[in-house]
Amino acid sequence: MIKPRGITIAAHSSGGFMNNKLIVSLRIISLLIFSIAFFQTAEAQSRADRTLLNEAERITEDVFSIAIQTSKGARVYAVRQPSSKMLNAIDQGLADLFSIAQKNNYRKRLNYSDYTIFIARADRTQDGSKNYSPDIAIGAAQYAGSVYDQGGFIYAAGMVLAYNPCAFVFAEHTRDFQRVSDVVRFEGEHLVLYHNDRKLYGKTADHSKGGGHPILK
């Protein structure tokens, strides 16, 4: 008697075919779910970026038409194309920030990609002593009536814009890039403290009450 091998084989193959179809279908569904999640995340990120950009432009009255990353991965928005020296100075400032933060046993927000930095047009390039000091003009707010008050506004080396994501703004420089690194580190101190040591952050966030930088030593 000849065994119906063909039927056996066909039935076995049919089961394998059905299993393969099921696997393919599941993979397609998984891919669709991932794609939807990805685009939703990207859309949310885009909205957050737009909100942050609007806030930076509102405060500085500048238009940040340049978007770029440093070689280490920090995001930068600028009014003009930043020089390589400027971008390297930003990375160095963040490296200095991360180093001193780790020394103080802080662990959060110590990645270059955590930071978004805006380079605004300088509202002045010299301080009262004629030293090179590119700064931005911002409303006096709590500094009104203090020695910093210039008549309703103050000149600042930098300013924190947001804590999630970590973002700040400072004025563009054409030289003295060590000052850029210092400003990046000093503004970053507020952000690191906010995420790691809220008590010390509360004591040092407002310079109108005294104190200055560096905070972390």
N, C-alpha and C. Protein backbone atom coordinates (compact mmCIF):
# COMPACT_ATOMS: atom_id res chain seq x y z
N MET A 1 0.85 -1.19 0.00
CA MET A 1 0.00 0.00 0.00
C MET A 1 0.88 1.23 0.00
N ILE A 2 0.58 2.13 -0.90
CA ILE A 2 1.39 3.34 -1.00
C ILE A 2 0.86 4.38 -0.03
N LYS A 3 1.74 4.85 0.83
CA LYS A 3 1.34 5.88 1.78
C LYS A 3 1.13 7.21 1.06
N PRO A 4 0.07 7.90 1.42
CA PRO A 4 -0.24 9.18 0.77
C PRO A 4 0.72 10.28 1.21
N ARG A 5 2.00 10.08 0.78
CA ARG A 5 3.02 11.02 1.22
C ARG A 5 2.73 12.44 0.73
N GLY A 6 2.20 12.51 -0.50
CA GLY A 6 1.95 13.84 -1.03
C GLY A 6 0.97 14.62 -0.19
N ILE A 7 -0.07 13.91 0.28
CA ILE A 7 -1.08 14.58 1.10
C ILE A 7 -0.48 15.01 2.41
N THR A 8 0.32 14.14 2.98
CA THR A 8 0.97 14.47 4.25
C THR A 8 1.86 15.69 4.09
N ILE A 9 2.62 15.68 3.03
CA ILE A 9 3.53 16.79 2.77
C ILE A 9 2.74 18.07 2.52
N ALA A 10 1.69 17.96 1.73
CA ALA A 10 0.88 19.12 1.42
C ALA A 10 0.25 19.71 2.67
N ALA A 11 -0.28 18.83 3.54
CA ALA A 11 -0.91 19.31 4.77
C ALA A 11 0.13 19.99 5.65
N HIS A 12 1.31 19.42 5.75
CA HIS A 12 2.39 19.99 6.54
C HIS A 12 2.82 21.33 5.97
N SER A 13 2.92 21.40 4.66
CA SER A 13 3.34 22.64 4.01
C SER A 13 2.29 23.71 4.22
N SER A 14 1.01 23.33 4.16
CA SER A 14 -0.06 24.29 4.36
C SER A 14 0.02 24.91 5.74
N GLY A 15 0.32 24.06 6.74
CA GLY A 15 0.46 24.60 8.10
C GLY A 15 1.62 25.57 8.19
N GLY A 16 2.73 25.22 7.54
CA GLY A 16 3.88 26.12 7.54
C GLY A 16 3.58 27.41 6.84
N PHE A 17 2.83 27.31 5.75
CA PHE A 17 2.47 28.51 5.00
C PHE A 17 1.61 29.45 5.85
N MET A 18 0.64 28.81 6.56
CA MET A 18 -0.23 29.62 7.41
C MET A 18 0.56 30.27 8.54
N ASN A 19 1.52 29.52 9.10
CA ASN A 19 2.35 30.09 10.17
C ASN A 19 3.18 31.26 9.65
N ASN A 20 3.71 31.08 8.44
CA ASN A 20 4.50 32.15 7.84
C ASN A 20 3.65 33.40 7.61
N LYS A 21 2.42 33.19 7.14
CA LYS A 21 1.52 34.33 6.91
C LYS A 21 1.23 35.05 8.22
N LEU A 22 1.04 34.24 9.29
CA LEU A 22 0.77 34.83 10.60
C LEU A 22 1.95 35.65 11.08
N ILE A 23 3.16 35.11 10.90
CA ILE A 23 4.37 35.82 11.33
C ILE A 23 4.52 37.13 10.56
N VAL A 24 4.31 37.05 9.23
CA VAL A 24 4.42 38.25 8.40
C VAL A 24 3.39 39.29 8.82
N SER A 25 2.17 38.84 9.08
CA SER A 25 1.10 39.75 9.48
C SER A 25 1.43 40.43 10.80
N LEU A 26 1.95 39.64 11.75
CA LEU A 26 2.32 40.21 13.04
C LEU A 26 3.44 41.23 12.90
N ARG A 27 4.39 40.91 12.00
CA ARG A 27 5.50 41.85 11.78
C ARG A 27 5.00 43.15 11.17
N ILE A 28 4.04 43.03 10.24
CA ILE A 28 3.47 44.23 9.61
C ILE A 28 2.73 45.07 10.64
N ILE A 29 1.96 44.39 11.49
CA ILE A 29 1.22 45.12 12.55
C ILE A 29 2.19 45.81 13.50
N SER A 30 3.24 45.08 13.88
CA SER A 30 4.25 45.66 14.79
C SER A 30 4.91 46.89 14.16
N LEU A 31 5.21 46.77 12.86
CA LEU A 31 5.84 47.87 12.15
C LEU A 31 4.92 49.08 12.09
N LEU A 32 3.62 48.83 11.86
CA LEU A 32 2.65 49.92 11.81
C LEU A 32 2.53 50.61 13.16
N ILE A 33 2.47 49.80 14.22
CA ILE A 33 2.38 50.37 15.57
C ILE A 33 3.61 51.20 15.87
N PHE A 34 4.80 50.67 15.52
CA PHE A 34 6.05 51.41 15.75
C PHE A 34 6.07 52.70 14.95
N SER A 35 5.62 52.65 13.69
CA SER A 35 5.61 53.83 12.83
C SER A 35 4.69 54.90 13.38
N ILE A 36 3.49 54.48 13.83
CA ILE A 36 2.55 55.44 14.40
C ILE A 36 3.14 56.09 15.65
N ALA A 37 3.74 55.26 16.52
CA ALA A 37 4.35 55.78 17.75
C ALA A 37 5.49 56.73 17.44
N PHE A 38 6.29 56.35 16.42
CA PHE A 38 7.42 57.18 16.03
C PHE A 38 6.95 58.54 15.54
N PHE A 39 5.96 58.53 14.66
CA PHE A 39 5.49 59.79 14.11
C PHE A 39 4.79 60.64 15.17
N GLN A 40 4.08 60.00 16.11
CA GLN A 40 3.46 60.75 17.20
C GLN A 40 4.52 61.38 18.08
N THR A 41 5.59 60.62 18.37
CA THR A 41 6.70 61.16 19.17
C THR A 41 7.39 62.29 18.43
N ALA A 42 7.62 62.09 17.14
CA ALA A 42 8.27 63.13 16.34
C ALA A 42 7.42 64.38 16.27
N GLU A 43 6.11 64.19 16.15
CA GLU A 43 5.21 65.34 16.08
C GLU A 43 5.20 66.10 17.41
N ALA A 44 5.19 65.35 18.52
CA ALA A 44 5.23 65.97 19.84
C ALA A 44 6.54 66.72 20.04
N GLN A 45 7.63 66.10 19.59
CA GLN A 45 8.94 66.75 19.70
C GLN A 45 8.97 68.02 18.87
N SER A 46 8.38 67.96 17.69
CA SER A 46 8.34 69.13 16.82
C SER A 46 7.55 70.27 17.46
N ARG A 47 6.42 69.93 18.11
CA ARG A 47 5.62 70.95 18.79
C ARG A 47 6.40 71.57 19.94
N ALA A 48 7.12 70.71 20.70
CA ALA A 48 7.93 71.21 21.81
C ALA A 48 9.04 72.12 21.31
N ASP A 49 9.68 71.72 20.21
CA ASP A 49 10.73 72.55 19.63
C ASP A 49 10.18 73.89 19.17
N ARG A 50 9.01 73.87 18.56
CA ARG A 50 8.40 75.10 18.07
C ARG A 50 8.04 76.04 19.23
N THR A 51 7.53 75.46 20.31
CA THR A 51 7.19 76.26 21.49
C THR A 51 8.44 76.90 22.08
N LEU A 52 9.51 76.11 22.19
CA LEU A 52 10.76 76.63 22.73
C LEU A 52 11.35 77.70 21.82
N LEU A 53 11.30 77.46 20.52
CA LEU A 53 11.81 78.43 19.56
C LEU A 53 11.03 79.74 19.65
N ASN A 54 9.71 79.63 19.76
CA ASN A 54 8.88 80.83 19.88
C ASN A 54 9.24 81.62 21.13
N GLU A 55 9.49 80.92 22.22
CA GLU A 55 9.83 81.59 23.48
C GLU A 55 11.19 82.30 23.36
N ALA A 56 12.16 81.63 22.74
CA ALA A 56 13.48 82.24 22.56
C ALA A 56 13.38 83.49 21.68
N GLU A 57 12.57 83.41 20.63
CA GLU A 57 12.42 84.56 19.73
C GLU A 57 11.63 85.70 20.40
N ARG A 58 10.70 85.33 21.26
CA ARG A 58 9.94 86.36 21.99
C ARG A 58 10.86 87.14 22.93
N ILE A 59 11.71 86.43 23.66
CA ILE A 59 12.58 87.06 24.64
C ILE A 59 13.67 87.90 23.99
N THR A 60 14.28 87.36 22.94
CA THR A 60 15.43 88.03 22.32
C THR A 60 15.04 88.95 21.17
N GLU A 61 13.82 88.77 20.64
CA GLU A 61 13.38 89.50 19.44
C GLU A 61 14.27 89.21 18.24
N ASP A 62 14.83 88.02 18.23
CA ASP A 62 15.66 87.55 17.12
C ASP A 62 14.93 86.45 16.36
N VAL A 63 15.46 86.12 15.19
CA VAL A 63 14.95 85.00 14.40
C VAL A 63 16.08 83.97 14.29
N PHE A 64 15.85 82.78 14.82
CA PHE A 64 16.87 81.75 14.81
C PHE A 64 16.67 80.86 13.58
N SER A 65 17.29 81.25 12.51
CA SER A 65 17.08 80.58 11.22
C SER A 65 18.05 79.42 10.99
N ILE A 66 19.06 79.29 11.83
CA ILE A 66 20.06 78.23 11.67
C ILE A 66 19.85 77.17 12.74
N ALA A 67 19.77 75.92 12.33
CA ALA A 67 19.68 74.79 13.26
C ALA A 67 20.82 73.83 12.95
N ILE A 68 21.59 73.49 13.98
CA ILE A 68 22.78 72.67 13.78
C ILE A 68 23.08 71.91 15.06
N GLN A 69 23.96 70.93 14.98
CA GLN A 69 24.42 70.22 16.17
C GLN A 69 25.92 70.39 16.33
N THR A 70 26.39 70.39 17.58
CA THR A 70 27.82 70.37 17.81
C THR A 70 28.33 68.96 17.51
N SER A 71 29.62 68.81 17.47
CA SER A 71 30.19 67.49 17.16
C SER A 71 29.86 66.47 18.24
N LYS A 72 29.55 66.93 19.46
CA LYS A 72 29.21 66.02 20.55
C LYS A 72 27.70 65.77 20.66
N GLY A 73 26.90 66.52 19.90
CA GLY A 73 25.47 66.22 19.87
C GLY A 73 24.54 67.22 20.53
N ALA A 74 25.06 68.35 21.02
CA ALA A 74 24.17 69.39 21.56
C ALA A 74 23.48 70.10 20.40
N ARG A 75 22.20 70.41 20.57
CA ARG A 75 21.45 71.10 19.53
C ARG A 75 21.63 72.61 19.67
N VAL A 76 21.82 73.27 18.53
CA VAL A 76 22.08 74.70 18.53
C VAL A 76 21.17 75.39 17.52
N TYR A 77 20.53 76.48 17.95
CA TYR A 77 19.80 77.37 17.06
C TYR A 77 20.50 78.72 17.11
N ALA A 78 20.70 79.32 15.94
CA ALA A 78 21.46 80.56 15.90
C ALA A 78 20.90 81.54 14.88
N VAL A 79 21.23 82.82 15.07
CA VAL A 79 20.79 83.85 14.11
C VAL A 79 21.67 83.83 12.87
N ARG A 80 22.89 83.34 13.03
CA ARG A 80 23.82 83.19 11.92
C ARG A 80 24.58 81.89 12.08
N GLN A 81 25.18 81.42 11.01
CA GLN A 81 25.93 80.17 11.06
C GLN A 81 27.07 80.28 12.08
N PRO A 82 27.08 79.47 13.13
CA PRO A 82 28.16 79.54 14.12
C PRO A 82 29.47 79.01 13.53
N SER A 83 30.56 79.60 13.97
CA SER A 83 31.87 79.12 13.54
C SER A 83 32.20 77.81 14.25
N SER A 84 33.17 77.10 13.73
CA SER A 84 33.59 75.85 14.36
C SER A 84 34.15 76.13 15.76
N LYS A 85 34.79 77.28 15.93
CA LYS A 85 35.32 77.65 17.24
C LYS A 85 34.20 77.84 18.25
N MET A 86 33.11 78.44 17.79
CA MET A 86 31.96 78.63 18.66
C MET A 86 31.37 77.29 19.08
N LEU A 87 31.18 76.40 18.13
CA LEU A 87 30.59 75.09 18.43
C LEU A 87 31.51 74.27 19.34
N ASN A 88 32.80 74.33 19.11
CA ASN A 88 33.74 73.62 19.96
C ASN A 88 33.74 74.19 21.38
N ALA A 89 33.58 75.50 21.48
CA ALA A 89 33.54 76.14 22.79
C ALA A 89 32.30 75.70 23.57
N ILE A 90 31.19 75.51 22.86
CA ILE A 90 29.97 75.02 23.51
C ILE A 90 30.21 73.61 24.05
N ASP A 91 30.79 72.75 23.24
CA ASP A 91 31.09 71.39 23.70
C ASP A 91 32.04 71.40 24.89
N GLN A 92 33.02 72.29 24.87
CA GLN A 92 33.97 72.36 25.98
C GLN A 92 33.27 72.83 27.25
N GLY A 93 32.38 73.81 27.12
CA GLY A 93 31.64 74.27 28.29
C GLY A 93 30.77 73.18 28.89
N LEU A 94 30.13 72.39 28.04
CA LEU A 94 29.32 71.28 28.53
C LEU A 94 30.20 70.19 29.15
N ALA A 95 31.36 69.94 28.57
CA ALA A 95 32.28 68.96 29.13
C ALA A 95 32.72 69.40 30.53
N ASP A 96 33.02 70.68 30.69
CA ASP A 96 33.40 71.22 32.01
C ASP A 96 32.24 71.08 33.00
N LEU A 97 31.02 71.34 32.52
CA LEU A 97 29.83 71.22 33.35
C LEU A 97 29.65 69.78 33.82
N PHE A 98 29.75 68.83 32.90
CA PHE A 98 29.53 67.43 33.25
C PHE A 98 30.60 66.94 34.23
N SER A 99 31.82 67.40 34.04
CA SER A 99 32.91 66.99 34.90
C SER A 99 32.69 67.44 36.34
N ILE A 100 32.34 68.71 36.52
CA ILE A 100 32.15 69.22 37.88
C ILE A 100 30.87 68.66 38.49
N ALA A 101 29.86 68.38 37.65
CA ALA A 101 28.62 67.77 38.15
C ALA A 101 28.88 66.37 38.70
N GLN A 102 29.66 65.59 37.97
CA GLN A 102 29.99 64.24 38.41
C GLN A 102 30.82 64.29 39.70
N LYS A 103 31.67 65.29 39.80
CA LYS A 103 32.49 65.46 41.02
C LYS A 103 31.58 65.69 42.22
N ASN A 104 30.41 66.31 41.99
CA ASN A 104 29.46 66.56 43.07
C ASN A 104 28.39 65.46 43.17
N ASN A 105 28.66 64.34 42.50
CA ASN A 105 27.77 63.16 42.54
C ASN A 105 26.40 63.40 41.91
N TYR A 106 26.34 64.27 40.93
CA TYR A 106 25.12 64.46 40.16
C TYR A 106 25.18 63.57 38.93
N ARG A 107 24.04 63.02 38.54
CA ARG A 107 24.03 62.06 37.44
C ARG A 107 23.03 62.41 36.33
N LYS A 108 22.05 63.24 36.64
CA LYS A 108 21.01 63.53 35.65
C LYS A 108 21.39 64.69 34.75
N ARG A 109 20.95 64.60 33.49
CA ARG A 109 21.16 65.63 32.47
C ARG A 109 22.65 65.88 32.21
N LEU A 110 23.37 64.80 32.02
CA LEU A 110 24.80 64.90 31.75
C LEU A 110 25.15 64.36 30.37
N ASN A 111 24.23 64.52 29.42
CA ASN A 111 24.48 64.14 28.03
C ASN A 111 24.38 65.38 27.15
N TYR A 112 25.23 65.45 26.16
CA TYR A 112 25.22 66.60 25.25
C TYR A 112 23.86 66.76 24.59
N SER A 113 23.23 65.64 24.26
CA SER A 113 21.95 65.69 23.58
C SER A 113 20.81 66.20 24.46
N ASP A 114 21.06 66.33 25.77
CA ASP A 114 20.06 66.88 26.68
C ASP A 114 19.89 68.39 26.51
N TYR A 115 20.83 69.03 25.81
CA TYR A 115 20.89 70.50 25.81
C TYR A 115 20.56 71.11 24.45
N THR A 116 19.73 72.15 24.52
CA THR A 116 19.41 72.97 23.36
C THR A 116 19.87 74.39 23.66
N ILE A 117 20.69 74.93 22.77
CA ILE A 117 21.34 76.21 23.03
C ILE A 117 21.03 77.19 21.90
N PHE A 118 20.63 78.38 22.29
CA PHE A 118 20.31 79.44 21.34
C PHE A 118 21.41 80.49 21.36
N ILE A 119 21.89 80.84 20.17
CA ILE A 119 22.91 81.89 20.04
C ILE A 119 22.25 83.11 19.44
N ALA A 120 22.05 84.12 20.27
CA ALA A 120 21.30 85.31 19.86
C ALA A 120 22.23 86.43 19.39
N ARG A 121 21.64 87.42 18.79
CA ARG A 121 22.37 88.63 18.42
C ARG A 121 22.79 89.36 19.70
N ALA A 122 24.02 89.84 19.75
CA ALA A 122 24.49 90.58 20.93
C ALA A 122 23.86 91.97 20.96
N ASP A 123 23.29 92.33 22.11
CA ASP A 123 22.73 93.67 22.28
C ASP A 123 23.79 94.67 22.69
N ARG A 124 24.92 94.16 23.14
CA ARG A 124 26.11 94.99 23.34
C ARG A 124 27.32 94.08 23.23
N THR A 125 28.46 94.66 22.91
CA THR A 125 29.69 93.87 22.80
C THR A 125 30.75 94.31 23.79
N GLN A 126 30.50 95.40 24.53
CA GLN A 126 31.43 95.88 25.54
C GLN A 126 30.68 96.18 26.83
N ASP A 127 31.32 95.89 27.95
CA ASP A 127 30.70 96.25 29.22
C ASP A 127 31.06 97.69 29.59
N GLY A 128 30.70 98.11 30.79
CA GLY A 128 30.95 99.49 31.21
C GLY A 128 32.41 99.86 31.28
N SER A 129 33.27 98.85 31.39
CA SER A 129 34.72 99.10 31.45
C SER A 129 35.39 98.91 30.09
N LYS A 130 34.57 98.81 29.04
CA LYS A 130 35.05 98.66 27.66
C LYS A 130 35.70 97.31 27.38
N ASN A 131 35.42 96.34 28.24
CA ASN A 131 35.91 94.99 28.00
C ASN A 131 34.99 94.27 27.02
N TYR A 132 35.54 93.37 26.22
CA TYR A 132 34.73 92.60 25.28
C TYR A 132 33.75 91.74 26.06
N SER A 133 32.47 91.98 25.86
CA SER A 133 31.45 91.30 26.65
C SER A 133 30.13 91.23 25.89
N PRO A 134 30.03 90.36 24.89
CA PRO A 134 28.76 90.21 24.17
C PRO A 134 27.65 89.73 25.10
N ASP A 135 26.60 90.50 25.24
CA ASP A 135 25.52 90.18 26.16
C ASP A 135 24.17 90.42 25.50
N ILE A 136 23.13 89.85 26.11
CA ILE A 136 21.78 90.07 25.63
C ILE A 136 21.03 90.94 26.62
N ALA A 137 20.10 91.74 26.12
CA ALA A 137 19.28 92.60 26.97
C ALA A 137 17.95 91.90 27.24
N ILE A 138 17.60 91.80 28.52
CA ILE A 138 16.33 91.18 28.90
C ILE A 138 15.65 92.07 29.94
N GLY A 139 14.34 91.88 30.11
CA GLY A 139 13.60 92.67 31.07
C GLY A 139 14.18 92.57 32.47
N ALA A 140 14.17 93.68 33.20
CA ALA A 140 14.81 93.73 34.52
C ALA A 140 14.14 92.78 35.52
N ALA A 141 12.81 92.67 35.46
CA ALA A 141 12.05 91.79 36.37
C ALA A 141 12.51 91.99 37.81
N GLN A 142 12.97 90.91 38.46
CA GLN A 142 13.35 91.01 39.87
C GLN A 142 14.62 91.82 40.09
N TYR A 143 15.32 92.17 39.00
CA TYR A 143 16.53 92.98 39.13
C TYR A 143 16.23 94.48 39.07
N ALA A 144 14.96 94.83 38.91
CA ALA A 144 14.57 96.25 38.83
C ALA A 144 15.01 96.99 40.08
N GLY A 145 15.66 98.13 39.86
CA GLY A 145 16.13 98.94 40.98
C GLY A 145 17.48 98.54 41.53
N SER A 146 18.02 97.42 41.03
CA SER A 146 19.34 96.97 41.49
C SER A 146 20.44 97.65 40.68
N VAL A 147 21.68 97.37 41.00
CA VAL A 147 22.80 97.95 40.28
C VAL A 147 22.85 97.44 38.84
N TYR A 148 22.14 96.35 38.58
CA TYR A 148 22.14 95.78 37.23
C TYR A 148 21.12 96.46 36.31
N ASP A 149 20.17 97.17 36.89
CA ASP A 149 19.07 97.76 36.14
C ASP A 149 19.59 98.86 35.21
N GLN A 150 19.34 98.70 33.91
CA GLN A 150 19.78 99.68 32.92
C GLN A 150 18.63 100.58 32.47
N GLY A 151 17.56 100.60 33.25
CA GLY A 151 16.39 101.38 32.87
C GLY A 151 15.28 100.49 32.35
N GLY A 152 14.95 99.49 33.15
CA GLY A 152 13.89 98.55 32.75
C GLY A 152 14.40 97.28 32.14
N PHE A 153 15.69 97.19 31.92
CA PHE A 153 16.29 95.96 31.39
C PHE A 153 17.67 95.78 31.99
N ILE A 154 18.19 94.58 31.84
CA ILE A 154 19.56 94.30 32.28
C ILE A 154 20.31 93.61 31.14
N TYR A 155 21.62 93.67 31.19
CA TYR A 155 22.45 92.91 30.27
C TYR A 155 22.85 91.61 30.94
N ALA A 156 22.67 90.51 30.24
CA ALA A 156 23.00 89.19 30.79
C ALA A 156 23.90 88.44 29.85
N ALA A 157 24.85 87.72 30.43
CA ALA A 157 25.73 86.87 29.61
C ALA A 157 24.95 85.70 29.03
N GLY A 158 23.95 85.22 29.79
CA GLY A 158 23.13 84.12 29.33
C GLY A 158 21.87 84.03 30.15
N MET A 159 20.94 83.20 29.71
CA MET A 159 19.67 83.07 30.40
C MET A 159 19.07 81.69 30.13
N VAL A 160 18.59 81.04 31.19
CA VAL A 160 17.91 79.76 31.05
C VAL A 160 16.53 80.00 30.43
N LEU A 161 16.19 79.20 29.44
CA LEU A 161 14.89 79.31 28.76
C LEU A 161 13.91 78.23 29.18
N ALA A 162 14.41 77.03 29.45
CA ALA A 162 13.53 75.91 29.78
C ALA A 162 14.31 74.84 30.51
N TYR A 163 13.57 74.03 31.27
CA TYR A 163 14.19 72.96 32.05
C TYR A 163 13.93 71.59 31.44
N ASN A 164 12.89 71.47 30.66
CA ASN A 164 12.57 70.23 29.93
C ASN A 164 12.08 70.58 28.53
N PRO A 165 12.95 70.59 27.54
CA PRO A 165 14.36 70.20 27.57
C PRO A 165 15.22 71.29 28.21
N CYS A 166 16.45 70.93 28.52
CA CYS A 166 17.39 71.89 29.09
C CYS A 166 17.79 72.88 27.99
N ALA A 167 17.46 74.14 28.18
CA ALA A 167 17.72 75.12 27.12
C ALA A 167 18.12 76.46 27.71
N PHE A 168 19.04 77.13 27.04
CA PHE A 168 19.43 78.48 27.44
C PHE A 168 19.91 79.25 26.23
N VAL A 169 20.07 80.56 26.42
CA VAL A 169 20.46 81.45 25.33
C VAL A 169 21.63 82.31 25.78
N PHE A 170 22.51 82.61 24.85
CA PHE A 170 23.57 83.59 25.10
C PHE A 170 23.89 84.29 23.79
N ALA A 171 24.71 85.33 23.86
CA ALA A 171 25.01 86.15 22.69
C ALA A 171 26.14 85.54 21.84
N GLU A 172 26.06 85.77 20.55
CA GLU A 172 27.12 85.28 19.66
C GLU A 172 28.42 86.03 19.92
N HIS A 173 29.52 85.31 19.76
CA HIS A 173 30.87 85.84 19.96
C HIS A 173 31.68 85.68 18.68
N THR A 174 32.62 86.58 18.48
CA THR A 174 33.56 86.45 17.36
C THR A 174 34.98 86.18 17.86
N ARG A 175 35.17 86.29 19.16
CA ARG A 175 36.46 85.98 19.79
C ARG A 175 36.23 85.69 21.27
N ASP A 176 37.32 85.46 22.00
CA ASP A 176 37.25 85.10 23.41
C ASP A 176 36.28 83.94 23.63
N PHE A 177 36.58 82.83 22.97
CA PHE A 177 35.68 81.68 23.04
C PHE A 177 35.75 80.96 24.39
N GLN A 178 36.77 81.27 25.18
CA GLN A 178 36.78 80.74 26.55
C GLN A 178 35.60 81.31 27.33
N ARG A 179 35.23 82.55 27.02
CA ARG A 179 34.05 83.15 27.67
C ARG A 179 32.79 82.37 27.29
N VAL A 180 32.71 81.92 26.05
CA VAL A 180 31.58 81.11 25.62
C VAL A 180 31.50 79.84 26.46
N SER A 181 32.62 79.16 26.61
CA SER A 181 32.66 77.93 27.41
C SER A 181 32.22 78.20 28.84
N ASP A 182 32.66 79.33 29.39
CA ASP A 182 32.30 79.68 30.77
C ASP A 182 30.79 79.93 30.88
N VAL A 183 30.24 80.68 29.93
CA VAL A 183 28.80 80.98 29.97
C VAL A 183 27.99 79.69 29.84
N VAL A 184 28.40 78.80 28.95
CA VAL A 184 27.71 77.53 28.77
C VAL A 184 27.74 76.73 30.07
N ARG A 185 28.89 76.66 30.69
CA ARG A 185 28.99 75.93 31.95
C ARG A 185 28.11 76.58 33.02
N PHE A 186 28.16 77.91 33.13
CA PHE A 186 27.43 78.59 34.20
C PHE A 186 25.92 78.49 34.04
N GLU A 187 25.43 78.66 32.81
CA GLU A 187 23.98 78.49 32.60
C GLU A 187 23.59 77.04 32.82
N GLY A 188 24.46 76.15 32.41
CA GLY A 188 24.19 74.73 32.61
C GLY A 188 24.13 74.33 34.07
N GLU A 189 24.84 75.07 34.93
CA GLU A 189 24.80 74.77 36.35
C GLU A 189 23.38 74.84 36.90
N HIS A 190 22.63 75.86 36.48
CA HIS A 190 21.26 76.00 36.94
C HIS A 190 20.42 74.79 36.53
N LEU A 191 20.63 74.32 35.32
CA LEU A 191 19.86 73.20 34.80
C LEU A 191 20.22 71.89 35.49
N VAL A 192 21.50 71.66 35.71
CA VAL A 192 21.94 70.46 36.42
C VAL A 192 21.40 70.47 37.85
N LEU A 193 21.47 71.62 38.50
CA LEU A 193 20.96 71.70 39.87
C LEU A 193 19.46 71.48 39.93
N TYR A 194 18.74 72.02 38.96
CA TYR A 194 17.30 71.84 38.93
C TYR A 194 16.93 70.36 38.90
N HIS A 195 17.68 69.57 38.16
CA HIS A 195 17.36 68.15 38.00
C HIS A 195 18.04 67.26 39.05
N ASN A 196 19.00 67.78 39.79
CA ASN A 196 19.73 66.93 40.72
C ASN A 196 19.69 67.40 42.18
N ASP A 197 19.55 68.69 42.40
CA ASP A 197 19.64 69.23 43.76
C ASP A 197 18.73 70.45 43.85
N ARG A 198 17.42 70.20 44.01
CA ARG A 198 16.45 71.28 43.96
C ARG A 198 16.66 72.30 45.08
N LYS A 199 17.16 71.86 46.21
CA LYS A 199 17.39 72.78 47.33
C LYS A 199 18.46 73.81 46.98
N LEU A 200 19.60 73.34 46.47
CA LEU A 200 20.68 74.26 46.09
C LEU A 200 20.26 75.10 44.90
N TYR A 201 19.49 74.50 44.00
CA TYR A 201 18.97 75.27 42.87
C TYR A 201 18.16 76.47 43.37
N GLY A 202 17.27 76.24 44.34
CA GLY A 202 16.43 77.30 44.87
C GLY A 202 17.23 78.42 45.51
N LYS A 203 18.37 78.08 46.08
CA LYS A 203 19.20 79.08 46.75
C LYS A 203 20.03 79.90 45.77
N THR A 204 20.27 79.37 44.56
CA THR A 204 21.23 80.00 43.65
C THR A 204 20.64 80.45 42.32
N ALA A 205 19.36 80.16 42.08
CA ALA A 205 18.78 80.46 40.77
C ALA A 205 18.65 81.95 40.51
N ASP A 206 18.39 82.73 41.56
CA ASP A 206 18.13 84.16 41.42
C ASP A 206 19.33 84.97 41.90
N HIS A 207 20.10 85.51 40.96
CA HIS A 207 21.30 86.26 41.33
C HIS A 207 20.98 87.64 41.89
N SER A 208 19.73 88.08 41.78
CA SER A 208 19.37 89.37 42.37
C SER A 208 19.48 89.33 43.89
N LYS A 209 19.49 88.11 44.45
CA LYS A 209 19.63 87.95 45.89
C LYS A 209 21.08 87.77 46.30
N GLY A 210 21.99 87.93 45.33
CA GLY A 210 23.41 87.75 45.60
C GLY A 210 23.93 86.45 45.03
N GLY A 211 25.22 86.27 45.11
CA GLY A 211 25.83 85.05 44.59
C GLY A 211 26.11 85.16 43.11
N GLY A 212 26.88 84.22 42.62
CA GLY A 212 27.24 84.21 41.20
C GLY A 212 27.80 82.87 40.81
N HIS A 213 28.60 82.86 39.77
CA HIS A 213 29.19 81.63 39.27
C HIS A 213 30.71 81.67 39.42
N PRO A 214 31.33 80.49 39.50
CA PRO A 214 30.70 79.16 39.46
C PRO A 214 30.01 78.79 40.77
N ILE A 215 28.92 78.04 40.64
CA ILE A 215 28.21 77.54 41.81
C ILE A 215 28.83 76.23 42.25
N LEU A 216 29.08 75.35 41.30
CA LEU A 216 29.65 74.03 41.60
C LEU A 216 31.17 74.11 41.58
N LYS A 217 31.76 73.55 42.61
CA LYS A 217 33.23 73.59 42.74
C LYS A 217 33.76 72.23 43.14
